[in-house]
Amino acid sequence: MAIRDIFFSRGNDFIRVQLAGHPGETTLMNAPDAYQSHDLVPDNIPRPKDYVAARFALHMAFYNPSWKTSSVHCPIFFAICGKDSVAPPRPTLNYAKAAPKATVKLYEQMGHFDIYLGEHFDIATGDYTERQNL
């Protein structure tokens, strides 16, 4: 799809790929909890576009923010969700170890999108605020 999008699309006529979907669907994120992202935007707020050009997937393959963690010399806070199926916790913990001034908080019971809503959001926000005030 991405190659076809690059060579045969023009202007706003591009091949769309959904950002999130269910396992087995062709989306950028199709992990078991990925579709929960649709619940993050309240009904009274206009929804942002939930798709990108298929060619974007090729860029994702060549970008990983973890490649630079060892060169981040300012304090950095890693909030890692233990049940994250979109950004699995084990690799993220390894990346965090490479950052010279890392603080790591592991939220064992949270999935990728849990941290953005309700009680989990309140817990994480408290940790972020506490870290910011150090």
N, C-alpha and C. Protein backbone atom coordinates (compact mmCIF):
# COMPACT_ATOMS: atom_id res chain seq x y z
N MET A 1 0.81 -1.19 0.00
CA MET A 1 0.00 0.00 0.00
C MET A 1 0.86 1.26 0.00
N ALA A 2 1.90 1.25 0.82
CA ALA A 2 2.75 2.44 0.93
C ALA A 2 3.46 2.74 -0.38
N ILE A 3 3.99 1.72 -1.02
CA ILE A 3 4.68 1.92 -2.30
C ILE A 3 3.70 2.41 -3.36
N ARG A 4 2.53 1.80 -3.40
CA ARG A 4 1.51 2.23 -4.36
C ARG A 4 1.11 3.69 -4.09
N ASP A 5 1.02 4.05 -2.81
CA ASP A 5 0.67 5.43 -2.44
C ASP A 5 1.74 6.40 -2.95
N ILE A 6 3.00 6.05 -2.79
CA ILE A 6 4.10 6.93 -3.23
C ILE A 6 4.07 7.14 -4.75
N PHE A 7 3.91 6.06 -5.48
CA PHE A 7 4.04 6.15 -6.94
C PHE A 7 2.78 6.56 -7.70
N PHE A 8 1.63 6.31 -7.11
CA PHE A 8 0.41 6.54 -7.88
C PHE A 8 -0.54 7.58 -7.29
N SER A 9 -0.22 8.17 -6.16
CA SER A 9 -1.10 9.17 -5.56
C SER A 9 -0.65 10.57 -5.94
N ARG A 10 -1.60 11.46 -6.04
CA ARG A 10 -1.31 12.86 -6.38
C ARG A 10 -2.09 13.78 -5.45
N GLY A 11 -1.41 14.77 -4.88
CA GLY A 11 -2.08 15.77 -4.05
C GLY A 11 -2.84 15.15 -2.89
N ASN A 12 -4.10 15.53 -2.76
CA ASN A 12 -4.94 14.99 -1.69
C ASN A 12 -5.55 13.64 -2.03
N ASP A 13 -5.23 13.12 -3.18
CA ASP A 13 -5.71 11.82 -3.60
C ASP A 13 -4.67 10.77 -3.21
N PHE A 14 -4.66 10.40 -1.94
CA PHE A 14 -3.67 9.44 -1.45
C PHE A 14 -4.38 8.24 -0.82
N ILE A 15 -3.63 7.17 -0.64
CA ILE A 15 -4.19 5.97 -0.03
C ILE A 15 -4.17 6.15 1.48
N ARG A 16 -5.33 6.04 2.08
CA ARG A 16 -5.46 6.26 3.52
C ARG A 16 -5.29 4.95 4.29
N VAL A 17 -4.62 5.06 5.44
CA VAL A 17 -4.50 3.94 6.38
C VAL A 17 -4.99 4.44 7.73
N GLN A 18 -5.88 3.68 8.35
CA GLN A 18 -6.40 4.06 9.66
C GLN A 18 -5.27 4.05 10.69
N LEU A 19 -5.35 4.95 11.66
CA LEU A 19 -4.34 4.99 12.72
C LEU A 19 -4.46 3.78 13.64
N ALA A 20 -5.68 3.44 14.02
CA ALA A 20 -5.88 2.35 14.98
C ALA A 20 -7.02 1.46 14.54
N GLY A 21 -6.88 0.19 14.88
CA GLY A 21 -7.92 -0.77 14.56
C GLY A 21 -7.78 -2.01 15.42
N HIS A 22 -8.49 -3.02 15.06
CA HIS A 22 -8.48 -4.27 15.80
C HIS A 22 -7.40 -5.21 15.24
N PRO A 23 -6.96 -6.19 16.04
CA PRO A 23 -5.96 -7.14 15.54
C PRO A 23 -6.39 -7.75 14.20
N GLY A 24 -5.45 -7.82 13.28
CA GLY A 24 -5.69 -8.38 11.96
C GLY A 24 -6.10 -7.36 10.92
N GLU A 25 -6.51 -6.16 11.34
CA GLU A 25 -6.88 -5.12 10.40
C GLU A 25 -5.63 -4.39 9.91
N THR A 26 -5.71 -3.80 8.72
CA THR A 26 -4.59 -3.04 8.18
C THR A 26 -4.68 -1.62 8.73
N THR A 27 -3.90 -1.36 9.76
CA THR A 27 -3.83 -0.05 10.42
C THR A 27 -2.40 0.16 10.89
N LEU A 28 -2.09 1.38 11.34
CA LEU A 28 -0.76 1.60 11.91
C LEU A 28 -0.62 0.92 13.26
N MET A 29 -1.70 0.92 14.04
CA MET A 29 -1.68 0.25 15.35
C MET A 29 -2.84 -0.74 15.37
N ASN A 30 -2.52 -2.03 15.45
CA ASN A 30 -3.58 -3.03 15.53
C ASN A 30 -3.35 -4.01 16.68
N ALA A 31 -2.65 -3.54 17.70
CA ALA A 31 -2.46 -4.33 18.91
C ALA A 31 -3.82 -4.45 19.61
N PRO A 32 -3.96 -5.41 20.52
CA PRO A 32 -5.26 -5.63 21.16
C PRO A 32 -5.91 -4.39 21.79
N ASP A 33 -5.12 -3.50 22.37
CA ASP A 33 -5.73 -2.33 23.01
C ASP A 33 -5.64 -1.06 22.18
N ALA A 34 -5.22 -1.16 20.93
CA ALA A 34 -5.01 0.04 20.10
C ALA A 34 -6.31 0.78 19.80
N TYR A 35 -7.40 0.06 19.60
CA TYR A 35 -8.65 0.72 19.22
C TYR A 35 -9.21 1.59 20.35
N GLN A 36 -8.73 1.40 21.56
CA GLN A 36 -9.18 2.23 22.68
C GLN A 36 -8.90 3.70 22.45
N SER A 37 -7.99 4.03 21.57
CA SER A 37 -7.66 5.43 21.32
C SER A 37 -8.88 6.21 20.85
N HIS A 38 -9.86 5.54 20.25
CA HIS A 38 -11.07 6.22 19.78
C HIS A 38 -11.88 6.77 20.95
N ASP A 39 -11.72 6.20 22.13
CA ASP A 39 -12.46 6.65 23.31
C ASP A 39 -11.83 7.85 23.98
N LEU A 40 -10.66 8.28 23.53
CA LEU A 40 -9.96 9.38 24.19
C LEU A 40 -10.56 10.75 23.89
N VAL A 41 -11.22 10.89 22.76
CA VAL A 41 -11.79 12.19 22.37
C VAL A 41 -13.25 12.22 22.79
N PRO A 42 -13.62 13.15 23.69
CA PRO A 42 -15.03 13.24 24.11
C PRO A 42 -15.95 13.50 22.92
N ASP A 43 -17.19 13.05 23.02
CA ASP A 43 -18.15 13.17 21.93
C ASP A 43 -18.44 14.61 21.53
N ASN A 44 -18.30 15.56 22.47
CA ASN A 44 -18.63 16.96 22.17
C ASN A 44 -17.49 17.72 21.50
N ILE A 45 -16.38 17.05 21.24
CA ILE A 45 -15.23 17.67 20.59
C ILE A 45 -15.07 17.06 19.20
N PRO A 46 -14.87 17.90 18.18
CA PRO A 46 -14.68 17.33 16.83
C PRO A 46 -13.50 16.36 16.81
N ARG A 47 -13.71 15.24 16.20
CA ARG A 47 -12.65 14.22 16.12
C ARG A 47 -11.61 14.60 15.08
N PRO A 48 -10.34 14.41 15.43
CA PRO A 48 -9.30 14.64 14.42
C PRO A 48 -9.36 13.53 13.38
N LYS A 49 -8.69 13.73 12.28
CA LYS A 49 -8.63 12.68 11.25
C LYS A 49 -7.99 11.45 11.88
N ASP A 50 -8.54 10.30 11.59
CA ASP A 50 -8.01 9.07 12.17
C ASP A 50 -7.32 8.21 11.12
N TYR A 51 -6.69 8.88 10.16
CA TYR A 51 -5.96 8.18 9.12
C TYR A 51 -4.75 9.01 8.70
N VAL A 52 -3.82 8.35 8.04
CA VAL A 52 -2.65 9.02 7.46
C VAL A 52 -2.43 8.44 6.06
N ALA A 53 -1.57 9.08 5.31
CA ALA A 53 -1.18 8.53 4.01
C ALA A 53 -0.41 7.24 4.24
N ALA A 54 -0.67 6.25 3.44
CA ALA A 54 -0.03 4.94 3.60
C ALA A 54 1.49 5.05 3.59
N ARG A 55 2.03 6.01 2.85
CA ARG A 55 3.49 6.17 2.75
C ARG A 55 4.14 6.47 4.11
N PHE A 56 3.35 6.98 5.05
CA PHE A 56 3.88 7.29 6.38
C PHE A 56 4.45 6.04 7.06
N ALA A 57 3.88 4.88 6.78
CA ALA A 57 4.36 3.64 7.39
C ALA A 57 5.82 3.38 7.05
N LEU A 58 6.26 3.78 5.87
CA LEU A 58 7.67 3.60 5.50
C LEU A 58 8.58 4.47 6.36
N HIS A 59 8.13 5.66 6.70
CA HIS A 59 8.93 6.54 7.56
C HIS A 59 9.04 5.96 8.97
N MET A 60 7.97 5.36 9.44
CA MET A 60 7.97 4.78 10.79
C MET A 60 9.03 3.69 10.93
N ALA A 61 9.24 2.95 9.87
CA ALA A 61 10.21 1.86 9.92
C ALA A 61 11.64 2.35 10.13
N PHE A 62 11.89 3.61 9.80
CA PHE A 62 13.24 4.15 9.91
C PHE A 62 13.38 5.20 11.01
N TYR A 63 12.44 5.20 11.95
CA TYR A 63 12.50 6.16 13.05
C TYR A 63 12.17 5.45 14.35
N ASN A 64 13.03 5.62 15.31
CA ASN A 64 12.78 5.09 16.65
C ASN A 64 13.37 6.09 17.63
N PRO A 65 12.54 6.75 18.43
CA PRO A 65 13.07 7.77 19.35
C PRO A 65 14.10 7.21 20.33
N SER A 66 14.09 5.91 20.54
CA SER A 66 15.04 5.31 21.48
C SER A 66 16.48 5.40 21.00
N TRP A 67 16.67 5.58 19.70
CA TRP A 67 18.03 5.66 19.18
C TRP A 67 18.80 6.83 19.77
N LYS A 68 18.12 7.82 20.29
CA LYS A 68 18.77 9.02 20.80
C LYS A 68 18.78 9.13 22.32
N THR A 69 18.22 8.17 23.04
CA THR A 69 18.09 8.33 24.49
C THR A 69 19.44 8.48 25.19
N SER A 70 20.47 7.86 24.70
CA SER A 70 21.77 7.98 25.36
C SER A 70 22.36 9.38 25.23
N SER A 71 21.87 10.16 24.30
CA SER A 71 22.39 11.52 24.13
C SER A 71 21.51 12.59 24.78
N VAL A 72 20.47 12.18 25.49
CA VAL A 72 19.61 13.14 26.20
C VAL A 72 20.23 13.38 27.57
N HIS A 73 20.80 14.57 27.76
CA HIS A 73 21.52 14.86 29.00
C HIS A 73 20.72 15.66 30.00
N CYS A 74 19.51 16.04 29.66
CA CYS A 74 18.63 16.69 30.63
C CYS A 74 17.81 15.60 31.33
N PRO A 75 17.23 15.90 32.48
CA PRO A 75 16.39 14.90 33.14
C PRO A 75 15.23 14.49 32.23
N ILE A 76 14.94 13.20 32.21
CA ILE A 76 13.85 12.68 31.38
C ILE A 76 13.05 11.67 32.20
N PHE A 77 11.74 11.79 32.12
CA PHE A 77 10.83 10.93 32.88
C PHE A 77 10.17 9.94 31.94
N PHE A 78 10.36 8.66 32.19
CA PHE A 78 9.75 7.61 31.39
C PHE A 78 8.57 7.04 32.17
N ALA A 79 7.37 7.25 31.66
CA ALA A 79 6.16 6.65 32.23
C ALA A 79 5.84 5.44 31.36
N ILE A 80 6.06 4.25 31.90
CA ILE A 80 5.96 3.02 31.11
C ILE A 80 4.79 2.19 31.63
N CYS A 81 3.90 1.83 30.71
CA CYS A 81 2.72 1.04 31.07
C CYS A 81 3.04 -0.44 30.93
N GLY A 82 2.87 -1.18 32.02
CA GLY A 82 3.25 -2.59 32.08
C GLY A 82 2.46 -3.51 31.16
N LYS A 83 1.23 -3.13 30.81
CA LYS A 83 0.40 -3.96 29.93
C LYS A 83 0.23 -3.32 28.56
N ASP A 84 1.22 -2.56 28.14
CA ASP A 84 1.17 -1.84 26.87
C ASP A 84 1.46 -2.79 25.72
N SER A 85 0.50 -2.96 24.83
CA SER A 85 0.71 -3.83 23.67
C SER A 85 1.07 -3.03 22.43
N VAL A 86 1.00 -1.70 22.51
CA VAL A 86 1.36 -0.83 21.39
C VAL A 86 2.85 -0.51 21.44
N ALA A 87 3.33 -0.11 22.61
CA ALA A 87 4.76 0.15 22.85
C ALA A 87 5.17 -0.74 24.02
N PRO A 88 5.54 -1.98 23.76
CA PRO A 88 5.81 -2.95 24.83
C PRO A 88 6.82 -2.45 25.87
N PRO A 89 6.55 -2.75 27.14
CA PRO A 89 7.36 -2.18 28.22
C PRO A 89 8.82 -2.64 28.26
N ARG A 90 9.11 -3.88 27.93
CA ARG A 90 10.48 -4.37 28.06
C ARG A 90 11.47 -3.57 27.21
N PRO A 91 11.23 -3.37 25.91
CA PRO A 91 12.17 -2.55 25.13
C PRO A 91 12.26 -1.12 25.65
N THR A 92 11.13 -0.56 26.08
CA THR A 92 11.14 0.81 26.58
C THR A 92 11.98 0.92 27.84
N LEU A 93 11.89 -0.07 28.72
CA LEU A 93 12.74 -0.07 29.92
C LEU A 93 14.21 -0.12 29.53
N ASN A 94 14.55 -0.89 28.52
CA ASN A 94 15.94 -0.95 28.06
C ASN A 94 16.41 0.38 27.50
N TYR A 95 15.54 1.06 26.75
CA TYR A 95 15.89 2.38 26.21
C TYR A 95 16.11 3.37 27.35
N ALA A 96 15.26 3.29 28.35
CA ALA A 96 15.36 4.22 29.49
C ALA A 96 16.69 4.06 30.21
N LYS A 97 17.19 2.84 30.29
CA LYS A 97 18.47 2.60 30.96
C LYS A 97 19.62 3.32 30.27
N ALA A 98 19.47 3.61 28.99
CA ALA A 98 20.53 4.29 28.24
C ALA A 98 20.57 5.79 28.48
N ALA A 99 19.49 6.36 28.99
CA ALA A 99 19.44 7.80 29.23
C ALA A 99 20.20 8.14 30.50
N PRO A 100 21.16 9.06 30.44
CA PRO A 100 22.00 9.38 31.59
C PRO A 100 21.24 9.89 32.82
N LYS A 101 20.15 10.63 32.61
CA LYS A 101 19.42 11.21 33.74
C LYS A 101 17.96 10.77 33.74
N ALA A 102 17.75 9.48 33.56
CA ALA A 102 16.39 8.95 33.47
C ALA A 102 15.78 8.68 34.84
N THR A 103 14.51 8.96 34.94
CA THR A 103 13.68 8.49 36.05
C THR A 103 12.61 7.62 35.40
N VAL A 104 12.43 6.42 35.93
CA VAL A 104 11.49 5.48 35.33
C VAL A 104 10.37 5.19 36.32
N LYS A 105 9.15 5.29 35.85
CA LYS A 105 7.98 4.90 36.64
C LYS A 105 7.24 3.85 35.83
N LEU A 106 7.12 2.66 36.39
CA LEU A 106 6.43 1.57 35.71
C LEU A 106 5.03 1.43 36.30
N TYR A 107 4.03 1.59 35.46
CA TYR A 107 2.64 1.44 35.85
C TYR A 107 2.21 0.03 35.43
N GLU A 108 2.42 -0.93 36.31
CA GLU A 108 2.24 -2.36 36.00
C GLU A 108 0.87 -2.69 35.41
N GLN A 109 -0.19 -2.10 35.92
CA GLN A 109 -1.55 -2.51 35.55
C GLN A 109 -2.14 -1.71 34.38
N MET A 110 -1.38 -0.79 33.81
CA MET A 110 -1.93 0.07 32.75
C MET A 110 -1.54 -0.42 31.36
N GLY A 111 -2.48 -0.25 30.42
CA GLY A 111 -2.22 -0.47 29.01
C GLY A 111 -1.84 0.84 28.36
N HIS A 112 -1.57 0.82 27.08
CA HIS A 112 -1.07 1.99 26.36
C HIS A 112 -1.95 3.22 26.52
N PHE A 113 -3.25 3.07 26.41
CA PHE A 113 -4.15 4.22 26.46
C PHE A 113 -4.79 4.43 27.82
N ASP A 114 -4.61 3.51 28.75
CA ASP A 114 -5.19 3.66 30.09
C ASP A 114 -4.71 4.91 30.80
N ILE A 115 -3.48 5.29 30.55
CA ILE A 115 -2.85 6.40 31.25
C ILE A 115 -3.50 7.75 30.93
N TYR A 116 -4.34 7.80 29.91
CA TYR A 116 -4.93 9.06 29.48
C TYR A 116 -6.31 9.34 30.06
N LEU A 117 -6.89 8.41 30.79
CA LEU A 117 -8.26 8.59 31.27
C LEU A 117 -8.42 8.19 32.73
N GLY A 118 -9.38 8.82 33.40
CA GLY A 118 -9.84 8.39 34.72
C GLY A 118 -8.79 8.35 35.80
N GLU A 119 -8.92 7.33 36.64
CA GLU A 119 -8.04 7.18 37.80
C GLU A 119 -6.58 7.02 37.38
N HIS A 120 -6.33 6.29 36.32
CA HIS A 120 -4.95 6.10 35.84
C HIS A 120 -4.34 7.44 35.42
N PHE A 121 -5.13 8.27 34.77
CA PHE A 121 -4.67 9.61 34.38
C PHE A 121 -4.30 10.42 35.61
N ASP A 122 -5.14 10.37 36.63
CA ASP A 122 -4.87 11.12 37.86
C ASP A 122 -3.57 10.66 38.52
N ILE A 123 -3.36 9.37 38.56
CA ILE A 123 -2.13 8.82 39.15
C ILE A 123 -0.91 9.29 38.36
N ALA A 124 -0.95 9.12 37.05
CA ALA A 124 0.19 9.50 36.21
C ALA A 124 0.44 11.00 36.24
N THR A 125 -0.61 11.79 36.20
CA THR A 125 -0.45 13.25 36.25
C THR A 125 0.20 13.67 37.55
N GLY A 126 -0.18 13.04 38.65
CA GLY A 126 0.46 13.32 39.93
C GLY A 126 1.94 13.02 39.90
N ASP A 127 2.31 11.91 39.28
CA ASP A 127 3.73 11.54 39.18
C ASP A 127 4.49 12.52 38.29
N TYR A 128 3.88 12.92 37.18
CA TYR A 128 4.52 13.90 36.30
C TYR A 128 4.73 15.22 37.03
N THR A 129 3.70 15.67 37.73
CA THR A 129 3.78 16.95 38.44
C THR A 129 4.84 16.89 39.53
N GLU A 130 4.86 15.80 40.27
CA GLU A 130 5.87 15.63 41.32
C GLU A 130 7.28 15.67 40.73
N ARG A 131 7.47 15.00 39.63
CA ARG A 131 8.78 14.97 38.97
C ARG A 131 9.17 16.35 38.45
N GLN A 132 8.21 17.10 37.93
CA GLN A 132 8.49 18.43 37.39
C GLN A 132 8.93 19.39 38.48
N ASN A 133 8.44 19.20 39.69
CA ASN A 133 8.74 20.12 40.78
C ASN A 133 10.04 19.80 41.51
N LEU A 134 10.76 18.78 41.10
CA LEU A 134 12.03 18.43 41.75
C LEU A 134 13.12 19.40 41.41
